All heavy atoms as atom14 arrays in JSON, in Angstrom:
{
  "sequence": "TARRAEWWRPDRLATRRANLAARGRILAA",
  "atom14_mask": [
    [1, 1, 1, 1, 1, 1, 1, 0, 0, 0, 0, 0, 0, 0],
    [1, 1, 1, 1, 1, 0, 0, 0, 0, 0, 0, 0, 0, 0],
    [1, 1, 1, 1, 1, 1, 1, 1, 1, 1, 1, 0, 0, 0],
    [1, 1, 1, 1, 1, 1, 1, 1, 1, 1, 1, 0, 0, 0],
    [1, 1, 1, 1, 1, 0, 0, 0, 0, 0, 0, 0, 0, 0],
    [1, 1, 1, 1, 1, 1, 1, 1, 1, 0, 0, 0, 0, 0],
    [1, 1, 1, 1, 1, 1, 1, 1, 1, 1, 1, 1, 1, 1],
    [1, 1, 1, 1, 1, 1, 1, 1, 1, 1, 1, 1, 1, 1],
    [1, 1, 1, 1, 1, 1, 1, 1, 1, 1, 1, 0, 0, 0],
    [1, 1, 1, 1, 1, 1, 1, 0, 0, 0, 0, 0, 0, 0],
    [1, 1, 1, 1, 1, 1, 1, 1, 0, 0, 0, 0, 0, 0],
    [1, 1, 1, 1, 1, 1, 1, 1, 1, 1, 1, 0, 0, 0],
    [1, 1, 1, 1, 1, 1, 1, 1, 0, 0, 0, 0, 0, 0],
    [1, 1, 1, 1, 1, 0, 0, 0, 0, 0, 0, 0, 0, 0],
    [1, 1, 1, 1, 1, 1, 1, 0, 0, 0, 0, 0, 0, 0],
    [1, 1, 1, 1, 1, 1, 1, 1, 1, 1, 1, 0, 0, 0],
    [1, 1, 1, 1, 1, 1, 1, 1, 1, 1, 1, 0, 0, 0],
    [1, 1, 1, 1, 1, 0, 0, 0, 0, 0, 0, 0, 0, 0],
    [1, 1, 1, 1, 1, 1, 1, 1, 0, 0, 0, 0, 0, 0],
    [1, 1, 1, 1, 1, 1, 1, 1, 0, 0, 0, 0, 0, 0],
    [1, 1, 1, 1, 1, 0, 0, 0, 0, 0, 0, 0, 0, 0],
    [1, 1, 1, 1, 1, 0, 0, 0, 0, 0, 0, 0, 0, 0],
    [1, 1, 1, 1, 1, 1, 1, 1, 1, 1, 1, 0, 0, 0],
    [1, 1, 1, 1, 0, 0, 0, 0, 0, 0, 0, 0, 0, 0],
    [1, 1, 1, 1, 1, 1, 1, 1, 1, 1, 1, 0, 0, 0],
    [1, 1, 1, 1, 1, 1, 1, 1, 0, 0, 0, 0, 0, 0],
    [1, 1, 1, 1, 1, 1, 1, 1, 0, 0, 0, 0, 0, 0],
    [1, 1, 1, 1, 1, 0, 0, 0, 0, 0, 0, 0, 0, 0],
    [1, 1, 1, 1, 1, 0, 0, 0, 0, 0, 0, 0, 0, 0]
  ],
  "atom14_positions": [
    [[-2.49, 6.67, -13.82], [-3.73, 7.2, -13.26], [-4.34, 6.23, -12.26], [-4.81, 6.61, -11.19], [-4.73, 7.51, -14.38], [-4.15, 8.45, -15.29], [-6.02, 8.08, -13.83], [0.0, 0.0, 0.0], [0.0, 0.0, 0.0], [0.0, 0.0, 0.0], [0.0, 0.0, 0.0], [0.0, 0.0, 0.0], [0.0, 0.0, 0.0], [0.0, 0.0, 0.0]],
    [[-4.31, 4.95, -12.61], [-4.84, 3.92, -11.7], [-4.03, 3.86, -10.41], [-4.58, 3.69, -9.32], [-4.83, 2.57, -12.4], [0.0, 0.0, 0.0], [0.0, 0.0, 0.0], [0.0, 0.0, 0.0], [0.0, 0.0, 0.0], [0.0, 0.0, 0.0], [0.0, 0.0, 0.0], [0.0, 0.0, 0.0], [0.0, 0.0, 0.0], [0.0, 0.0, 0.0]],
    [[-2.71, 4.03, -10.52], [-1.84, 4.0, -9.34], [-2.23, 5.12, -8.37], [-2.22, 4.93, -7.15], [-0.38, 4.16, -9.78], [0.6, 4.39, -8.63], [1.99, 4.71, -9.14], [2.61, 3.53, -9.69], [3.3, 2.64, -8.98], [3.43, 2.81, -7.69], [3.84, 1.6, -9.55], [0.0, 0.0, 0.0], [0.0, 0.0, 0.0], [0.0, 0.0, 0.0]],
    [[-2.57, 6.3, -8.91], [-2.83, 7.45, -8.07], [-4.29, 7.57, -7.63], [-4.6, 8.35, -6.75], [-2.41, 8.73, -8.8], [-0.9, 8.86, -8.94], [-0.5, 10.14, -9.61], [-0.85, 10.16, -11.02], [-0.12, 9.63, -11.98], [1.01, 9.01, -11.68], [-0.49, 9.69, -13.24], [0.0, 0.0, 0.0], [0.0, 0.0, 0.0], [0.0, 0.0, 0.0]],
    [[-5.19, 6.83, -8.26], [-6.62, 6.94, -7.93], [-6.85, 6.55, -6.47], [-6.43, 5.48, -6.02], [-7.45, 6.06, -8.85], [0.0, 0.0, 0.0], [0.0, 0.0, 0.0], [0.0, 0.0, 0.0], [0.0, 0.0, 0.0], [0.0, 0.0, 0.0], [0.0, 0.0, 0.0], [0.0, 0.0, 0.0], [0.0, 0.0, 0.0], [0.0, 0.0, 0.0]],
    [[-7.49, 7.44, -5.73], [-7.83, 7.18, -4.33], [-6.63, 6.63, -3.55], [-6.71, 5.64, -2.82], [-9.03, 6.23, -4.24], [-10.29, 6.82, -4.88], [-11.52, 5.94, -4.69], [-11.36, 4.72, -4.46], [-12.64, 6.48, -4.76], [0.0, 0.0, 0.0], [0.0, 0.0, 0.0], [0.0, 0.0, 0.0], [0.0, 0.0, 0.0], [0.0, 0.0, 0.0]],
    [[-5.49, 7.34, -3.72], [-4.25, 6.91, -3.08], [-4.36, 6.86, -1.55], [-3.58, 6.19, -0.88], [-3.11, 7.86, -3.47], [-3.41, 9.3, -3.13], [-3.94, 10.24, -3.95], [-3.24, 9.94, -1.86], [-4.1, 11.43, -3.29], [-3.68, 11.28, -2.0], [-2.76, 9.51, -0.62], [-3.65, 12.19, -0.95], [-2.73, 10.43, 0.44], [-3.17, 11.75, 0.27]],
    [[-5.35, 7.55, -1.01], [-5.52, 7.67, 0.44], [-6.25, 6.49, 1.06], [-6.35, 6.4, 2.29], [-6.33, 8.94, 0.74], [-7.52, 9.07, -0.17], [-7.59, 9.75, -1.35], [-8.79, 8.42, -0.01], [-8.82, 9.6, -1.93], [-9.59, 8.79, -1.12], [-9.34, 7.6, 0.97], [-10.89, 8.33, -1.29], [-10.64, 7.15, 0.8], [-11.4, 7.52, -0.32]],
    [[-6.79, 5.61, 0.23], [-7.55, 4.48, 0.79], [-6.65, 3.67, 1.75], [-5.47, 3.48, 1.48], [-8.06, 3.58, -0.31], [-9.14, 4.22, -1.19], [-9.57, 3.27, -2.3], [-10.2, 2.1, -1.74], [-11.52, 1.99, -1.48], [-12.32, 3.01, -1.75], [-12.02, 0.9, -0.96], [0.0, 0.0, 0.0], [0.0, 0.0, 0.0], [0.0, 0.0, 0.0]],
    [[-7.21, 3.19, 2.87], [-6.38, 2.48, 3.85], [-5.58, 1.33, 3.27], [-4.41, 1.14, 3.63], [-7.41, 1.99, 4.89], [-8.52, 2.99, 4.81], [-8.6, 3.38, 3.35], [0.0, 0.0, 0.0], [0.0, 0.0, 0.0], [0.0, 0.0, 0.0], [0.0, 0.0, 0.0], [0.0, 0.0, 0.0], [0.0, 0.0, 0.0], [0.0, 0.0, 0.0]],
    [[-6.17, 0.56, 2.35], [-5.44, -0.58, 1.8], [-4.27, -0.12, 0.93], [-3.2, -0.73, 0.92], [-6.38, -1.49, 1.0], [-7.1, -0.76, -0.13], [-7.33, 0.47, -0.02], [-7.46, -1.42, -1.13], [0.0, 0.0, 0.0], [0.0, 0.0, 0.0], [0.0, 0.0, 0.0], [0.0, 0.0, 0.0], [0.0, 0.0, 0.0], [0.0, 0.0, 0.0]],
    [[-4.46, 0.98, 0.22], [-3.38, 1.48, -0.64], [-2.3, 2.18, 0.18], [-1.11, 2.06, -0.12], [-3.95, 2.4, -1.71], [-4.86, 1.64, -2.67], [-5.4, 2.47, -3.79], [-6.28, 1.66, -4.63], [-6.92, 2.11, -5.69], [-6.79, 3.37, -6.06], [-7.71, 1.31, -6.4], [0.0, 0.0, 0.0], [0.0, 0.0, 0.0], [0.0, 0.0, 0.0]],
    [[-2.71, 2.92, 1.18], [-1.72, 3.56, 2.05], [-0.91, 2.51, 2.79], [0.31, 2.67, 3.0], [-2.44, 4.49, 3.03], [-1.55, 5.3, 3.98], [-0.55, 6.14, 3.21], [-2.41, 6.18, 4.88], [0.0, 0.0, 0.0], [0.0, 0.0, 0.0], [0.0, 0.0, 0.0], [0.0, 0.0, 0.0], [0.0, 0.0, 0.0], [0.0, 0.0, 0.0]],
    [[-1.55, 1.41, 3.16], [-0.85, 0.36, 3.9], [0.31, -0.21, 3.11], [1.33, -0.61, 3.69], [-1.82, -0.76, 4.27], [0.0, 0.0, 0.0], [0.0, 0.0, 0.0], [0.0, 0.0, 0.0], [0.0, 0.0, 0.0], [0.0, 0.0, 0.0], [0.0, 0.0, 0.0], [0.0, 0.0, 0.0], [0.0, 0.0, 0.0], [0.0, 0.0, 0.0]],
    [[0.2, -0.25, 1.77], [1.29, -0.79, 0.96], [2.52, 0.09, 0.99], [3.62, -0.36, 0.66], [0.85, -1.0, -0.5], [0.57, 0.28, -1.1], [-0.38, -1.89, -0.59], [0.0, 0.0, 0.0], [0.0, 0.0, 0.0], [0.0, 0.0, 0.0], [0.0, 0.0, 0.0], [0.0, 0.0, 0.0], [0.0, 0.0, 0.0], [0.0, 0.0, 0.0]],
    [[2.35, 1.37, 1.39], [3.48, 2.3, 1.43], [3.99, 2.55, 2.84], [5.0, 3.25, 3.02], [3.09, 3.65, 0.8], [2.55, 3.55, -0.61], [2.61, 4.9, -1.34], [1.94, 5.98, -0.64], [0.61, 6.17, -0.61], [-0.18, 5.3, -1.24], [0.07, 7.18, 0.04], [0.0, 0.0, 0.0], [0.0, 0.0, 0.0], [0.0, 0.0, 0.0]],
    [[3.29, 2.04, 3.84], [3.6, 2.41, 5.21], [5.04, 2.07, 5.61], [5.71, 2.85, 6.31], [2.61, 1.76, 6.17], [1.21, 2.37, 6.16], [1.19, 3.74, 6.82], [1.48, 3.66, 8.25], [0.57, 3.42, 9.17], [-0.71, 3.25, 8.83], [0.9, 3.37, 10.44], [0.0, 0.0, 0.0], [0.0, 0.0, 0.0], [0.0, 0.0, 0.0]],
    [[5.53, 0.92, 5.21], [6.91, 0.55, 5.56], [7.91, 1.51, 4.94], [8.87, 1.94, 5.58], [7.2, -0.88, 5.11], [0.0, 0.0, 0.0], [0.0, 0.0, 0.0], [0.0, 0.0, 0.0], [0.0, 0.0, 0.0], [0.0, 0.0, 0.0], [0.0, 0.0, 0.0], [0.0, 0.0, 0.0], [0.0, 0.0, 0.0], [0.0, 0.0, 0.0]],
    [[7.69, 1.85, 3.66], [8.59, 2.8, 3.0], [8.52, 4.17, 3.65], [9.55, 4.86, 3.79], [8.22, 2.92, 1.52], [8.52, 1.67, 0.73], [9.31, 0.82, 1.16], [7.89, 1.53, -0.42], [0.0, 0.0, 0.0], [0.0, 0.0, 0.0], [0.0, 0.0, 0.0], [0.0, 0.0, 0.0], [0.0, 0.0, 0.0], [0.0, 0.0, 0.0]],
    [[7.33, 4.59, 4.06], [7.17, 5.9, 4.66], [7.79, 5.96, 6.05], [8.36, 6.98, 6.46], [5.7, 6.29, 4.7], [5.05, 6.44, 3.31], [3.55, 6.64, 3.45], [5.69, 7.58, 2.53], [0.0, 0.0, 0.0], [0.0, 0.0, 0.0], [0.0, 0.0, 0.0], [0.0, 0.0, 0.0], [0.0, 0.0, 0.0], [0.0, 0.0, 0.0]],
    [[7.7, 4.84, 6.78], [8.38, 4.78, 8.07], [9.89, 4.89, 7.87], [10.59, 5.59, 8.61], [8.02, 3.48, 8.79], [0.0, 0.0, 0.0], [0.0, 0.0, 0.0], [0.0, 0.0, 0.0], [0.0, 0.0, 0.0], [0.0, 0.0, 0.0], [0.0, 0.0, 0.0], [0.0, 0.0, 0.0], [0.0, 0.0, 0.0], [0.0, 0.0, 0.0]],
    [[10.41, 4.19, 6.85], [11.83, 4.28, 6.55], [12.2, 5.69, 6.12], [13.28, 6.2, 6.47], [12.2, 3.28, 5.45], [0.0, 0.0, 0.0], [0.0, 0.0, 0.0], [0.0, 0.0, 0.0], [0.0, 0.0, 0.0], [0.0, 0.0, 0.0], [0.0, 0.0, 0.0], [0.0, 0.0, 0.0], [0.0, 0.0, 0.0], [0.0, 0.0, 0.0]],
    [[11.31, 6.35, 5.36], [11.57, 7.73, 4.94], [11.81, 8.63, 6.16], [12.72, 9.47, 6.16], [10.38, 8.24, 4.12], [10.56, 9.64, 3.55], [9.31, 10.14, 2.85], [9.52, 11.45, 2.27], [9.71, 11.7, 0.98], [9.68, 10.7, 0.11], [9.91, 12.94, 0.56], [0.0, 0.0, 0.0], [0.0, 0.0, 0.0], [0.0, 0.0, 0.0]],
    [[10.99, 8.44, 7.2], [11.17, 9.24, 8.4], [12.5, 8.98, 9.08], [13.17, 9.92, 9.54], [0.0, 0.0, 0.0], [0.0, 0.0, 0.0], [0.0, 0.0, 0.0], [0.0, 0.0, 0.0], [0.0, 0.0, 0.0], [0.0, 0.0, 0.0], [0.0, 0.0, 0.0], [0.0, 0.0, 0.0], [0.0, 0.0, 0.0], [0.0, 0.0, 0.0]],
    [[12.92, 7.71, 9.13], [14.21, 7.39, 9.75], [15.36, 7.96, 8.92], [16.35, 8.44, 9.46], [14.36, 5.87, 9.9], [13.37, 5.24, 10.88], [13.75, 3.81, 11.19], [13.74, 2.95, 10.02], [12.67, 2.3, 9.57], [11.51, 2.43, 10.19], [12.74, 1.51, 8.51], [0.0, 0.0, 0.0], [0.0, 0.0, 0.0], [0.0, 0.0, 0.0]],
    [[15.22, 7.91, 7.59], [16.26, 8.44, 6.7], [16.38, 9.95, 6.89], [17.49, 10.49, 6.97], [15.95, 8.07, 5.24], [16.11, 6.56, 5.03], [16.83, 8.84, 4.27], [15.51, 6.05, 3.74], [0.0, 0.0, 0.0], [0.0, 0.0, 0.0], [0.0, 0.0, 0.0], [0.0, 0.0, 0.0], [0.0, 0.0, 0.0], [0.0, 0.0, 0.0]],
    [[15.26, 10.64, 6.98], [15.3, 12.09, 7.18], [15.95, 12.42, 8.52], [16.74, 13.38, 8.62], [13.89, 12.66, 7.11], [13.77, 14.18, 7.35], [14.67, 14.96, 6.4], [12.32, 14.63, 7.2], [0.0, 0.0, 0.0], [0.0, 0.0, 0.0], [0.0, 0.0, 0.0], [0.0, 0.0, 0.0], [0.0, 0.0, 0.0], [0.0, 0.0, 0.0]],
    [[15.65, 11.65, 9.55], [16.29, 11.88, 10.85], [17.8, 11.7, 10.75], [18.58, 12.48, 11.32], [15.71, 10.94, 11.9], [0.0, 0.0, 0.0], [0.0, 0.0, 0.0], [0.0, 0.0, 0.0], [0.0, 0.0, 0.0], [0.0, 0.0, 0.0], [0.0, 0.0, 0.0], [0.0, 0.0, 0.0], [0.0, 0.0, 0.0], [0.0, 0.0, 0.0]],
    [[18.23, 10.69, 9.99], [19.66, 10.46, 9.82], [20.31, 11.61, 9.05], [21.45, 12.02, 9.35], [19.9, 9.14, 9.07], [0.0, 0.0, 0.0], [0.0, 0.0, 0.0], [0.0, 0.0, 0.0], [0.0, 0.0, 0.0], [0.0, 0.0, 0.0], [0.0, 0.0, 0.0], [0.0, 0.0, 0.0], [0.0, 0.0, 0.0], [0.0, 0.0, 0.0]]
  ]
}
């Protein structure tokens, strides 16, 4: 629950940004 609380906050989203960028490249591949 703590992991998902306010998942949209800039600091929390920033921790996933590298993985999400990679997700986009993987989908393109």
